[in-house]
Amino acid sequence: MTDVLVLNCGSSSVKYRVFRGDETTASGLIERIGEPGGDAASHEEALRTVLSRVDTEAIVAVGHRVVHGGLRFTEPTLIDDEVVAQVRRLSPLAPLHNPANLAGIEAARAALPQLPQVAVFDTAFHRTLPPAASTYALDTALTQRLRIHRYGFHGTSHAYVSRRTAALLGRPLRTVNTITLHLGNGASACAVAGGRSVDTSMGFTPLEGLVMGTRTGDIDPAVVFYLHREAGLGVDEIDRLLNRRGGLAGLCGDNDMRRVLARRAAGDPAATLAFDVYCARIRHYVGAYYATLGRVDAVTFTGGVGEHAAPVRAAALAGLERLGIAVDPARNEAAGFGERIISPDGAEVAVCVVPTDEEREIARQTWSVVAPGA
């Protein structure tokens, strides 16, 4: 009996997957929790549905995705009452995520009290950032009191993808420097040196960094003051503008890259500008992280956009040939869904596509806690 149940709980959904070694034996999604006509009235009911669909006798541990671990949690952690309390105290830093993660943890602990349960934190992979990369240039007393820090996110994805990139290259992880680009509706870049995160584009919140589906990414902070003074917008309105009405949606009205690409191909100027801004920001971070790492062995695309949008991959790396970074057009545009290299033969820097698998990474980290050395 070696099954690990992985739970990824959102505010109105529970995504689950059961792993037996490398094999997935069950998976599914419970949606619209607590909504009229939804699949379940509560997270407790949703978990009962999950458990009715899996072989509970074979499960030896439960792994939970937790978005924010603050500065305390630097690795996967066995859950007890104190861990639950700490995750709850961190909820103001991730108000849309940690409370939902906690709902799943509490439901699972009640339903499966005999099993070890492990929290795997999105932020943990980035706790290796050096102080120069993790510190904001603000008043130190204030930042320490309010825990203002560059935490980074998408950590499980960057960890998985950087490890799989090393395997794709046939090299030990400790010898490989990779720039990983997680491009989905949310997007982030990460500089990974020998398996350790040394810089990442998301910061205190997931708003910082790359242009995303609805988030602006990097923006002059003075824009916030200007919007308040000149447009009369309140804090909540500005928050919505930056997080839900920015990014691709703000630039052209569509947050789905597939639609942006179709409109660009048809000559739509707004979609073309949105595409150009999106790719220029990625290229900016690739260049910056090349300087951070000093030597780059691979640039790896992942996430829905990174895995499937060939025009984005080509445009995001265009003009970087002097850094040894180039995309082979035929390989880039060829149909493919697995791990692959899309740079020319003999390229100094391998350009890779690696589908992310955050649930598999959570299962791996969970197993490392409940059966270390196994």
Foldseek 3Di string as FASTA:
>chain_A
DEKEWEWEFFPFKIWIWIDDDPDTPDTDMFGRACHVVGNHVALLRVVVVVVVGDDPVPHAEYFFEAADDALPDQAKDWDDPVSLVSLVVCCVLPVRTSVRSSRNVVSCCVVCVPHTYIYGYQQNLQSPAPCVQWDDPDDPVVCVVVVFTFRDGNNLQVLQVLCVVCVVVVHQLQCAWEWEWAAEQQIKIFTAHSSGTHHMQGTSHSQAAAQHLAAAHDDDPVVVVCCCPPVVDDPVRVVCNHRGCHGLCVQQNGSHVVVLVVCVVVPNPSSVVSLLRRLCRLLVVVVVSCVVRVAHAEYEFEHPCRQPPLVSVQSNCPPVVVVLDHFASVQSPDDDRAWDWGHDPPGNHTYIYHYTDSSVSSSVSRCCVVPNPD
